[in-house]
Amino acid sequence: MAAFTAVVGIAVASLAEQAPSIRAIVERREAASLPARWFGLVLGAGFAEEAAEALPVSLFVYREPRAYRPPTFVYVGVVSGPAFGVVEAVGDSYRYAEASRAVGPELIDDYVAPQLPRPTSLPLPHACRSAVVGDFIGLASVSRAAPRALMGLGLSLAALLHGTYDAFVGGGAVSGPRR
């Protein structure tokens, strides 16, 4: 599951964020005003990434003819989220290093200080949010009355948490050090 998310999930989220309709929303994450930035992070990056993290839960557990219990859905979500978070952190760190190199090698402290905690701290919020989505998908598997509504609610809640975290912690686009 983790390998699937690390390869396919990252590709799906990247492609989704490049779609013209979503790209216009995602570009708002660069906005100066907090409400516009928050809007872009929730509706753009938040939905794209959380949906990509939910793919293994939906494809390999929900659609499986065997009846799994809801904790299984949460577990698969918890495995999927950190895999996405690690790949994202490594990619962001690489892009930040390239930007630092372009500015000058004397800025190593500007690179290490903000980037050192990313690979260890970024996977945890991804795990928590994908566990939320997994829980709602698990509830949808048990309560077949409104499965799409439950899955949509879980995805929306995770995207809201994702965008809010990014807007207030500064997890938008990685632009590199400033001089």
N, C-alpha and C. Protein backbone atom coordinates (compact mmCIF):
# COMPACT_ATOMS: atom_id res chain seq x y z
N MET A 1 0.81 -1.19 0.00
CA MET A 1 0.00 0.00 0.00
C MET A 1 0.86 1.26 0.00
N ALA A 2 1.90 1.27 0.83
CA ALA A 2 2.76 2.45 0.90
C ALA A 2 3.47 2.69 -0.42
N ALA A 3 3.96 1.64 -1.04
CA ALA A 3 4.65 1.80 -2.33
C ALA A 3 3.68 2.30 -3.39
N PHE A 4 2.47 1.80 -3.37
CA PHE A 4 1.45 2.25 -4.32
C PHE A 4 1.22 3.76 -4.16
N THR A 5 1.06 4.21 -2.93
CA THR A 5 0.83 5.63 -2.69
C THR A 5 2.05 6.46 -3.06
N ALA A 6 3.25 5.94 -2.72
CA ALA A 6 4.47 6.69 -3.02
C ALA A 6 4.68 6.88 -4.51
N VAL A 7 4.24 5.93 -5.32
CA VAL A 7 4.43 6.04 -6.77
C VAL A 7 3.17 6.58 -7.44
N VAL A 8 2.08 5.85 -7.32
CA VAL A 8 0.85 6.21 -8.02
C VAL A 8 0.18 7.43 -7.38
N GLY A 9 0.12 7.46 -6.07
CA GLY A 9 -0.54 8.58 -5.38
C GLY A 9 0.11 9.92 -5.68
N ILE A 10 1.44 9.95 -5.63
CA ILE A 10 2.16 11.20 -5.95
C ILE A 10 1.89 11.60 -7.39
N ALA A 11 1.92 10.64 -8.32
CA ALA A 11 1.66 10.94 -9.73
C ALA A 11 0.24 11.46 -9.93
N VAL A 12 -0.73 10.83 -9.28
CA VAL A 12 -2.13 11.26 -9.42
C VAL A 12 -2.31 12.67 -8.86
N ALA A 13 -1.74 12.96 -7.69
CA ALA A 13 -1.88 14.31 -7.11
C ALA A 13 -1.20 15.35 -7.99
N SER A 14 -0.03 15.02 -8.52
CA SER A 14 0.68 15.97 -9.39
C SER A 14 -0.11 16.24 -10.67
N LEU A 15 -0.64 15.19 -11.27
CA LEU A 15 -1.45 15.37 -12.48
C LEU A 15 -2.72 16.16 -12.19
N ALA A 16 -3.36 15.87 -11.06
CA ALA A 16 -4.59 16.58 -10.70
C ALA A 16 -4.31 18.06 -10.51
N GLU A 17 -3.20 18.40 -9.85
CA GLU A 17 -2.87 19.80 -9.61
C GLU A 17 -2.50 20.53 -10.90
N GLN A 18 -2.17 19.79 -11.96
CA GLN A 18 -1.82 20.41 -13.25
C GLN A 18 -3.04 20.59 -14.16
N ALA A 19 -4.16 19.97 -13.83
CA ALA A 19 -5.37 20.15 -14.63
C ALA A 19 -5.77 21.62 -14.62
N PRO A 20 -6.15 22.18 -15.76
CA PRO A 20 -6.42 23.63 -15.83
C PRO A 20 -7.40 24.15 -14.78
N SER A 21 -8.48 23.43 -14.54
CA SER A 21 -9.47 23.92 -13.58
C SER A 21 -8.92 23.91 -12.15
N ILE A 22 -8.14 22.90 -11.82
CA ILE A 22 -7.57 22.81 -10.47
C ILE A 22 -6.35 23.72 -10.35
N ARG A 23 -5.59 23.84 -11.42
CA ARG A 23 -4.39 24.69 -11.40
C ARG A 23 -4.73 26.13 -11.03
N ALA A 24 -5.86 26.63 -11.56
CA ALA A 24 -6.28 27.99 -11.24
C ALA A 24 -6.54 28.15 -9.74
N ILE A 25 -7.06 27.11 -9.13
CA ILE A 25 -7.30 27.13 -7.68
C ILE A 25 -5.99 26.98 -6.93
N VAL A 26 -5.14 26.05 -7.36
CA VAL A 26 -3.87 25.78 -6.68
C VAL A 26 -2.99 27.03 -6.68
N GLU A 27 -3.03 27.81 -7.76
CA GLU A 27 -2.18 29.00 -7.84
C GLU A 27 -2.54 30.04 -6.80
N ARG A 28 -3.71 29.94 -6.22
CA ARG A 28 -4.10 30.87 -5.15
C ARG A 28 -3.28 30.66 -3.88
N ARG A 29 -2.60 29.52 -3.77
CA ARG A 29 -1.81 29.29 -2.57
C ARG A 29 -0.62 30.23 -2.49
N GLU A 30 -0.32 30.90 -3.58
CA GLU A 30 0.75 31.90 -3.60
C GLU A 30 0.23 33.29 -3.27
N ALA A 31 -1.07 33.43 -3.06
CA ALA A 31 -1.68 34.74 -2.84
C ALA A 31 -1.18 35.37 -1.54
N ALA A 32 -1.18 36.69 -1.53
CA ALA A 32 -0.73 37.41 -0.34
C ALA A 32 -1.76 37.37 0.78
N SER A 33 -3.04 37.39 0.42
CA SER A 33 -4.07 37.40 1.46
C SER A 33 -4.30 35.99 2.00
N LEU A 34 -4.46 35.90 3.29
CA LEU A 34 -4.67 34.61 3.95
C LEU A 34 -5.93 33.90 3.45
N PRO A 35 -7.08 34.57 3.30
CA PRO A 35 -8.27 33.85 2.82
C PRO A 35 -8.09 33.26 1.42
N ALA A 36 -7.45 33.99 0.52
CA ALA A 36 -7.23 33.47 -0.83
C ALA A 36 -6.25 32.30 -0.81
N ARG A 37 -5.20 32.42 -0.01
CA ARG A 37 -4.21 31.34 0.11
C ARG A 37 -4.88 30.10 0.72
N TRP A 38 -5.67 30.29 1.78
CA TRP A 38 -6.36 29.17 2.43
C TRP A 38 -7.30 28.48 1.45
N PHE A 39 -8.06 29.26 0.69
CA PHE A 39 -8.98 28.72 -0.31
C PHE A 39 -8.22 27.84 -1.31
N GLY A 40 -7.11 28.32 -1.83
CA GLY A 40 -6.32 27.55 -2.79
C GLY A 40 -5.72 26.29 -2.19
N LEU A 41 -5.30 26.38 -0.94
CA LEU A 41 -4.70 25.21 -0.30
C LEU A 41 -5.74 24.14 0.03
N VAL A 42 -6.94 24.55 0.44
CA VAL A 42 -7.98 23.57 0.76
C VAL A 42 -8.53 22.93 -0.51
N LEU A 43 -8.97 23.76 -1.45
CA LEU A 43 -9.64 23.23 -2.64
C LEU A 43 -8.68 22.70 -3.69
N GLY A 44 -7.45 23.14 -3.67
CA GLY A 44 -6.48 22.67 -4.65
C GLY A 44 -5.65 21.53 -4.11
N ALA A 45 -4.60 21.89 -3.40
CA ALA A 45 -3.66 20.89 -2.89
C ALA A 45 -4.33 19.94 -1.89
N GLY A 46 -5.18 20.45 -1.02
CA GLY A 46 -5.81 19.60 0.00
C GLY A 46 -6.61 18.47 -0.60
N PHE A 47 -7.52 18.78 -1.52
CA PHE A 47 -8.34 17.74 -2.13
C PHE A 47 -7.51 16.79 -2.99
N ALA A 48 -6.58 17.34 -3.77
CA ALA A 48 -5.77 16.49 -4.66
C ALA A 48 -4.94 15.49 -3.86
N GLU A 49 -4.26 15.97 -2.82
CA GLU A 49 -3.40 15.09 -2.04
C GLU A 49 -4.19 14.09 -1.20
N GLU A 50 -5.26 14.55 -0.59
CA GLU A 50 -6.04 13.63 0.26
C GLU A 50 -6.73 12.56 -0.58
N ALA A 51 -7.18 12.93 -1.77
CA ALA A 51 -7.78 11.92 -2.66
C ALA A 51 -6.74 10.91 -3.11
N ALA A 52 -5.53 11.38 -3.38
CA ALA A 52 -4.45 10.47 -3.78
C ALA A 52 -4.09 9.51 -2.65
N GLU A 53 -4.09 10.01 -1.42
CA GLU A 53 -3.80 9.15 -0.27
C GLU A 53 -4.92 8.15 -0.01
N ALA A 54 -6.14 8.49 -0.42
CA ALA A 54 -7.29 7.60 -0.21
C ALA A 54 -7.41 6.53 -1.29
N LEU A 55 -6.65 6.66 -2.37
CA LEU A 55 -6.75 5.68 -3.46
C LEU A 55 -6.57 4.23 -3.01
N PRO A 56 -5.52 3.90 -2.25
CA PRO A 56 -5.39 2.48 -1.86
C PRO A 56 -6.54 2.00 -0.97
N VAL A 57 -7.07 2.89 -0.14
CA VAL A 57 -8.20 2.50 0.71
C VAL A 57 -9.39 2.16 -0.17
N SER A 58 -9.65 3.00 -1.14
CA SER A 58 -10.80 2.81 -2.02
C SER A 58 -10.61 1.62 -2.97
N LEU A 59 -9.44 1.54 -3.58
CA LEU A 59 -9.20 0.51 -4.60
C LEU A 59 -8.98 -0.89 -4.03
N PHE A 60 -8.21 -0.99 -2.95
CA PHE A 60 -7.80 -2.30 -2.47
C PHE A 60 -8.59 -2.82 -1.28
N VAL A 61 -9.36 -1.97 -0.62
CA VAL A 61 -10.11 -2.43 0.55
C VAL A 61 -11.61 -2.25 0.33
N TYR A 62 -12.04 -1.06 -0.05
CA TYR A 62 -13.47 -0.79 -0.20
C TYR A 62 -14.08 -1.60 -1.33
N ARG A 63 -13.40 -1.71 -2.44
CA ARG A 63 -13.94 -2.42 -3.61
C ARG A 63 -13.71 -3.93 -3.54
N GLU A 64 -13.01 -4.38 -2.55
CA GLU A 64 -12.76 -5.81 -2.36
C GLU A 64 -14.06 -6.50 -1.95
N PRO A 65 -14.38 -7.65 -2.54
CA PRO A 65 -15.63 -8.32 -2.19
C PRO A 65 -15.67 -8.80 -0.73
N ARG A 66 -14.52 -9.02 -0.14
CA ARG A 66 -14.48 -9.45 1.26
C ARG A 66 -14.88 -8.29 2.16
N ALA A 67 -15.66 -8.56 3.16
CA ALA A 67 -16.14 -7.51 4.06
C ALA A 67 -15.09 -7.25 5.15
N TYR A 68 -14.43 -6.12 5.06
CA TYR A 68 -13.47 -5.70 6.08
C TYR A 68 -14.18 -4.87 7.12
N ARG A 69 -13.64 -4.87 8.33
CA ARG A 69 -14.18 -4.04 9.40
C ARG A 69 -13.59 -2.64 9.28
N PRO A 70 -14.26 -1.61 9.78
CA PRO A 70 -13.78 -0.22 9.65
C PRO A 70 -12.34 0.02 10.12
N PRO A 71 -11.84 -0.63 11.19
CA PRO A 71 -10.44 -0.38 11.56
C PRO A 71 -9.43 -0.74 10.46
N THR A 72 -9.77 -1.67 9.59
CA THR A 72 -8.89 -2.01 8.48
C THR A 72 -8.73 -0.82 7.54
N PHE A 73 -9.81 -0.11 7.29
CA PHE A 73 -9.77 1.07 6.43
C PHE A 73 -8.89 2.15 7.04
N VAL A 74 -9.01 2.34 8.35
CA VAL A 74 -8.19 3.33 9.04
C VAL A 74 -6.72 2.93 8.95
N TYR A 75 -6.43 1.65 9.15
CA TYR A 75 -5.05 1.16 9.08
C TYR A 75 -4.43 1.40 7.71
N VAL A 76 -5.16 1.09 6.65
CA VAL A 76 -4.64 1.30 5.30
C VAL A 76 -4.43 2.80 5.06
N GLY A 77 -5.31 3.64 5.58
CA GLY A 77 -5.12 5.08 5.48
C GLY A 77 -3.87 5.54 6.22
N VAL A 78 -3.66 4.99 7.41
CA VAL A 78 -2.48 5.36 8.20
C VAL A 78 -1.18 4.92 7.51
N VAL A 79 -1.22 3.85 6.76
CA VAL A 79 -0.04 3.40 6.01
C VAL A 79 0.15 4.27 4.75
N SER A 80 -0.93 4.64 4.12
CA SER A 80 -0.86 5.42 2.88
C SER A 80 -0.39 6.85 3.11
N GLY A 81 -0.89 7.51 4.14
CA GLY A 81 -0.56 8.92 4.40
C GLY A 81 0.91 9.20 4.58
N PRO A 82 1.61 8.48 5.47
CA PRO A 82 3.04 8.76 5.65
C PRO A 82 3.88 8.50 4.41
N ALA A 83 3.48 7.51 3.62
CA ALA A 83 4.23 7.25 2.38
C ALA A 83 4.17 8.48 1.48
N PHE A 84 2.98 9.06 1.36
CA PHE A 84 2.83 10.28 0.57
C PHE A 84 3.63 11.42 1.20
N GLY A 85 3.54 11.56 2.52
CA GLY A 85 4.24 12.63 3.22
C GLY A 85 5.75 12.56 3.08
N VAL A 86 6.31 11.36 3.14
CA VAL A 86 7.76 11.21 3.00
C VAL A 86 8.21 11.61 1.60
N VAL A 87 7.51 11.10 0.59
CA VAL A 87 7.88 11.44 -0.79
C VAL A 87 7.74 12.94 -1.02
N GLU A 88 6.67 13.54 -0.50
CA GLU A 88 6.48 14.98 -0.64
C GLU A 88 7.59 15.76 0.06
N ALA A 89 7.96 15.35 1.27
CA ALA A 89 9.02 16.04 2.02
C ALA A 89 10.36 15.95 1.32
N VAL A 90 10.67 14.78 0.78
CA VAL A 90 11.93 14.62 0.06
C VAL A 90 11.93 15.49 -1.20
N GLY A 91 10.84 15.49 -1.93
CA GLY A 91 10.75 16.33 -3.13
C GLY A 91 10.85 17.80 -2.80
N ASP A 92 10.16 18.25 -1.75
CA ASP A 92 10.25 19.66 -1.33
C ASP A 92 11.67 20.01 -0.91
N SER A 93 12.32 19.12 -0.17
CA SER A 93 13.69 19.36 0.27
C SER A 93 14.64 19.47 -0.92
N TYR A 94 14.44 18.63 -1.91
CA TYR A 94 15.28 18.68 -3.10
C TYR A 94 15.08 20.01 -3.84
N ARG A 95 13.82 20.43 -4.01
CA ARG A 95 13.56 21.70 -4.69
C ARG A 95 14.12 22.88 -3.90
N TYR A 96 14.03 22.81 -2.59
CA TYR A 96 14.57 23.87 -1.74
C TYR A 96 16.09 23.90 -1.84
N ALA A 97 16.72 22.73 -1.90
CA ALA A 97 18.18 22.67 -2.04
C ALA A 97 18.63 23.27 -3.37
N GLU A 98 17.88 22.99 -4.43
CA GLU A 98 18.20 23.56 -5.74
C GLU A 98 18.08 25.08 -5.70
N ALA A 99 17.06 25.59 -5.05
CA ALA A 99 16.89 27.04 -4.93
C ALA A 99 18.02 27.64 -4.10
N SER A 100 18.43 26.96 -3.03
CA SER A 100 19.54 27.43 -2.20
C SER A 100 20.83 27.47 -2.98
N ARG A 101 21.06 26.45 -3.79
CA ARG A 101 22.28 26.38 -4.59
C ARG A 101 22.33 27.53 -5.59
N ALA A 102 21.18 27.89 -6.14
CA ALA A 102 21.14 28.99 -7.11
C ALA A 102 21.44 30.33 -6.45
N VAL A 103 21.05 30.49 -5.19
CA VAL A 103 21.29 31.75 -4.48
C VAL A 103 22.73 31.85 -4.04
N GLY A 104 23.29 30.75 -3.54
CA GLY A 104 24.69 30.76 -3.12
C GLY A 104 24.96 29.72 -2.05
N PRO A 105 26.17 29.13 -2.08
CA PRO A 105 26.49 28.07 -1.12
C PRO A 105 26.63 28.55 0.31
N GLU A 106 26.79 29.85 0.54
CA GLU A 106 26.94 30.34 1.91
C GLU A 106 25.63 30.29 2.69
N LEU A 107 24.55 29.92 2.05
CA LEU A 107 23.25 29.89 2.70
C LEU A 107 22.87 28.50 3.21
N ILE A 108 23.85 27.68 3.56
CA ILE A 108 23.55 26.32 4.02
C ILE A 108 22.66 26.34 5.27
N ASP A 109 22.86 27.31 6.16
CA ASP A 109 22.00 27.41 7.34
C ASP A 109 20.56 27.72 6.96
N ASP A 110 20.38 28.51 5.90
CA ASP A 110 19.03 28.82 5.43
C ASP A 110 18.36 27.59 4.85
N TYR A 111 19.14 26.61 4.45
CA TYR A 111 18.58 25.37 3.92
C TYR A 111 18.33 24.36 5.03
N VAL A 112 19.32 24.12 5.87
CA VAL A 112 19.23 23.06 6.87
C VAL A 112 18.16 23.35 7.92
N ALA A 113 18.12 24.56 8.42
CA ALA A 113 17.18 24.87 9.51
C ALA A 113 15.73 24.58 9.13
N PRO A 114 15.24 25.09 7.99
CA PRO A 114 13.83 24.80 7.70
C PRO A 114 13.59 23.40 7.14
N GLN A 115 14.59 22.76 6.58
CA GLN A 115 14.36 21.49 5.90
C GLN A 115 14.64 20.27 6.75
N LEU A 116 15.44 20.38 7.76
CA LEU A 116 15.79 19.22 8.59
C LEU A 116 14.57 18.54 9.22
N PRO A 117 13.63 19.27 9.77
CA PRO A 117 12.48 18.58 10.39
C PRO A 117 11.43 18.05 9.41
N ARG A 118 11.46 18.47 8.14
CA ARG A 118 10.41 18.09 7.21
C ARG A 118 10.22 16.58 7.05
N PRO A 119 11.27 15.81 6.75
CA PRO A 119 11.04 14.37 6.53
C PRO A 119 10.54 13.62 7.76
N THR A 120 10.78 14.17 8.95
CA THR A 120 10.31 13.48 10.15
C THR A 120 8.96 13.99 10.63
N SER A 121 8.66 15.26 10.38
CA SER A 121 7.40 15.81 10.90
C SER A 121 6.27 15.81 9.88
N LEU A 122 6.55 15.89 8.60
CA LEU A 122 5.50 15.97 7.59
C LEU A 122 4.66 14.70 7.45
N PRO A 123 5.23 13.50 7.59
CA PRO A 123 4.40 12.30 7.44
C PRO A 123 3.31 12.15 8.51
N LEU A 124 3.53 12.66 9.71
CA LEU A 124 2.53 12.48 10.77
C LEU A 124 1.19 13.15 10.46
N PRO A 125 1.15 14.42 10.05
CA PRO A 125 -0.17 14.98 9.69
C PRO A 125 -0.81 14.27 8.51
N HIS A 126 0.01 13.80 7.56
CA HIS A 126 -0.55 13.03 6.44
C HIS A 126 -1.19 11.74 6.96
N ALA A 127 -0.55 11.08 7.91
CA ALA A 127 -1.11 9.85 8.48
C ALA A 127 -2.44 10.13 9.18
N CYS A 128 -2.49 11.20 9.94
CA CYS A 128 -3.73 11.52 10.67
C CYS A 128 -4.88 11.84 9.72
N ARG A 129 -4.59 12.66 8.71
CA ARG A 129 -5.66 13.02 7.77
C ARG A 129 -6.11 11.83 6.94
N SER A 130 -5.19 10.99 6.51
CA SER A 130 -5.61 9.82 5.71
C SER A 130 -6.31 8.79 6.60
N ALA A 131 -6.03 8.79 7.89
CA ALA A 131 -6.78 7.92 8.80
C ALA A 131 -8.23 8.40 8.90
N VAL A 132 -8.43 9.71 8.90
CA VAL A 132 -9.78 10.27 8.93
C VAL A 132 -10.55 9.83 7.69
N VAL A 133 -9.92 9.97 6.53
CA VAL A 133 -10.58 9.57 5.28
C VAL A 133 -10.85 8.06 5.31
N GLY A 134 -9.87 7.28 5.75
CA GLY A 134 -10.04 5.83 5.85
C GLY A 134 -11.19 5.47 6.77
N ASP A 135 -11.34 6.21 7.87
CA ASP A 135 -12.43 5.95 8.80
C ASP A 135 -13.79 6.21 8.14
N PHE A 136 -13.89 7.29 7.40
CA PHE A 136 -15.16 7.58 6.72
C PHE A 136 -15.45 6.57 5.61
N ILE A 137 -14.41 6.11 4.92
CA ILE A 137 -14.63 5.07 3.91
C ILE A 137 -15.05 3.77 4.59
N GLY A 138 -14.47 3.47 5.75
CA GLY A 138 -14.88 2.30 6.51
C GLY A 138 -16.32 2.41 6.97
N LEU A 139 -16.73 3.60 7.41
CA LEU A 139 -18.13 3.81 7.79
C LEU A 139 -19.04 3.63 6.58
N ALA A 140 -18.58 4.09 5.41
CA ALA A 140 -19.39 3.93 4.19
C ALA A 140 -19.55 2.46 3.83
N SER A 141 -18.55 1.64 4.15
CA SER A 141 -18.65 0.21 3.83
C SER A 141 -19.66 -0.51 4.73
N VAL A 142 -19.83 0.02 5.94
CA VAL A 142 -20.77 -0.58 6.89
C VAL A 142 -22.18 -0.03 6.68
N SER A 143 -22.29 1.25 6.46
CA SER A 143 -23.57 1.91 6.26
C SER A 143 -23.73 2.21 4.79
N ARG A 144 -24.37 1.33 4.08
CA ARG A 144 -24.52 1.48 2.63
C ARG A 144 -25.64 2.46 2.24
N ALA A 145 -26.24 3.16 3.21
CA ALA A 145 -27.32 4.08 2.90
C ALA A 145 -26.82 5.28 2.10
N ALA A 146 -25.68 5.83 2.46
CA ALA A 146 -25.15 7.02 1.77
C ALA A 146 -23.63 6.93 1.68
N PRO A 147 -23.09 5.92 1.00
CA PRO A 147 -21.64 5.74 1.01
C PRO A 147 -20.87 6.90 0.36
N ARG A 148 -21.39 7.43 -0.73
CA ARG A 148 -20.68 8.54 -1.40
C ARG A 148 -20.67 9.78 -0.53
N ALA A 149 -21.76 10.03 0.16
CA ALA A 149 -21.82 11.20 1.05
C ALA A 149 -20.82 11.05 2.19
N LEU A 150 -20.72 9.87 2.78
CA LEU A 150 -19.76 9.65 3.85
C LEU A 150 -18.33 9.79 3.35
N MET A 151 -18.02 9.21 2.19
CA MET A 151 -16.67 9.32 1.64
C MET A 151 -16.36 10.78 1.29
N GLY A 152 -17.31 11.47 0.72
CA GLY A 152 -17.11 12.88 0.38
C GLY A 152 -16.91 13.74 1.61
N LEU A 153 -17.65 13.43 2.67
CA LEU A 153 -17.49 14.16 3.93
C LEU A 153 -16.11 13.93 4.52
N GLY A 154 -15.65 12.69 4.51
CA GLY A 154 -14.32 12.39 5.02
C GLY A 154 -13.23 13.08 4.23
N LEU A 155 -13.35 13.04 2.91
CA LEU A 155 -12.37 13.69 2.05
C LEU A 155 -12.40 15.21 2.25
N SER A 156 -13.59 15.76 2.37
CA SER A 156 -13.72 17.21 2.59
C SER A 156 -13.11 17.63 3.92
N LEU A 157 -13.36 16.85 4.96
CA LEU A 157 -12.80 17.17 6.27
C LEU A 157 -11.27 17.11 6.23
N ALA A 158 -10.72 16.08 5.60
CA ALA A 158 -9.26 15.96 5.50
C ALA A 158 -8.68 17.11 4.67
N ALA A 159 -9.33 17.48 3.57
CA ALA A 159 -8.85 18.60 2.74
C ALA A 159 -8.90 19.91 3.52
N LEU A 160 -9.95 20.10 4.31
CA LEU A 160 -10.07 21.29 5.15
C LEU A 160 -8.93 21.35 6.16
N LEU A 161 -8.67 20.22 6.83
CA LEU A 161 -7.56 20.17 7.79
C LEU A 161 -6.22 20.41 7.09
N HIS A 162 -6.04 19.81 5.92
CA HIS A 162 -4.81 19.94 5.16
C HIS A 162 -4.56 21.40 4.77
N GLY A 163 -5.56 22.03 4.14
CA GLY A 163 -5.41 23.40 3.70
C GLY A 163 -5.21 24.38 4.84
N THR A 164 -5.92 24.14 5.94
CA THR A 164 -5.79 25.01 7.10
C THR A 164 -4.40 24.89 7.71
N TYR A 165 -3.91 23.67 7.83
CA TYR A 165 -2.55 23.45 8.34
C TYR A 165 -1.53 24.16 7.45
N ASP A 166 -1.63 23.93 6.14
CA ASP A 166 -0.68 24.56 5.22
C ASP A 166 -0.76 26.08 5.24
N ALA A 167 -1.96 26.63 5.34
CA ALA A 167 -2.12 28.08 5.31
C ALA A 167 -1.52 28.74 6.55
N PHE A 168 -1.65 28.09 7.70
CA PHE A 168 -1.18 28.72 8.93
C PHE A 168 0.24 28.32 9.33
N VAL A 169 0.71 27.20 8.82
CA VAL A 169 2.07 26.76 9.16
C VAL A 169 3.05 27.12 8.05
N GLY A 170 2.53 27.48 6.90
CA GLY A 170 3.40 27.86 5.79
C GLY A 170 3.79 26.70 4.92
N GLY A 171 2.92 25.73 4.77
CA GLY A 171 3.24 24.55 3.98
C GLY A 171 2.83 24.64 2.54
N GLY A 172 2.71 25.84 2.01
CA GLY A 172 2.35 26.01 0.61
C GLY A 172 3.51 25.60 -0.29
N ALA A 173 3.67 26.29 -1.37
CA ALA A 173 4.73 25.97 -2.32
C ALA A 173 6.09 26.25 -1.71
N VAL A 174 7.04 25.42 -2.07
CA VAL A 174 8.42 25.60 -1.63
C VAL A 174 9.10 26.53 -2.61
N SER A 175 9.49 27.69 -2.15
CA SER A 175 10.06 28.67 -3.06
C SER A 175 11.56 28.83 -2.88
N GLY A 176 12.08 28.38 -1.78
CA GLY A 176 13.52 28.51 -1.57
C GLY A 176 13.85 29.65 -0.63
N PRO A 177 15.12 29.78 -0.31
CA PRO A 177 15.54 30.80 0.64
C PRO A 177 15.45 32.20 0.04
N ARG A 178 15.28 33.16 0.91
CA ARG A 178 15.19 34.55 0.45
C ARG A 178 16.45 35.28 0.87
N ARG A 179 16.91 36.13 0.04
CA ARG A 179 18.13 36.91 0.31
C ARG A 179 17.84 38.36 0.11
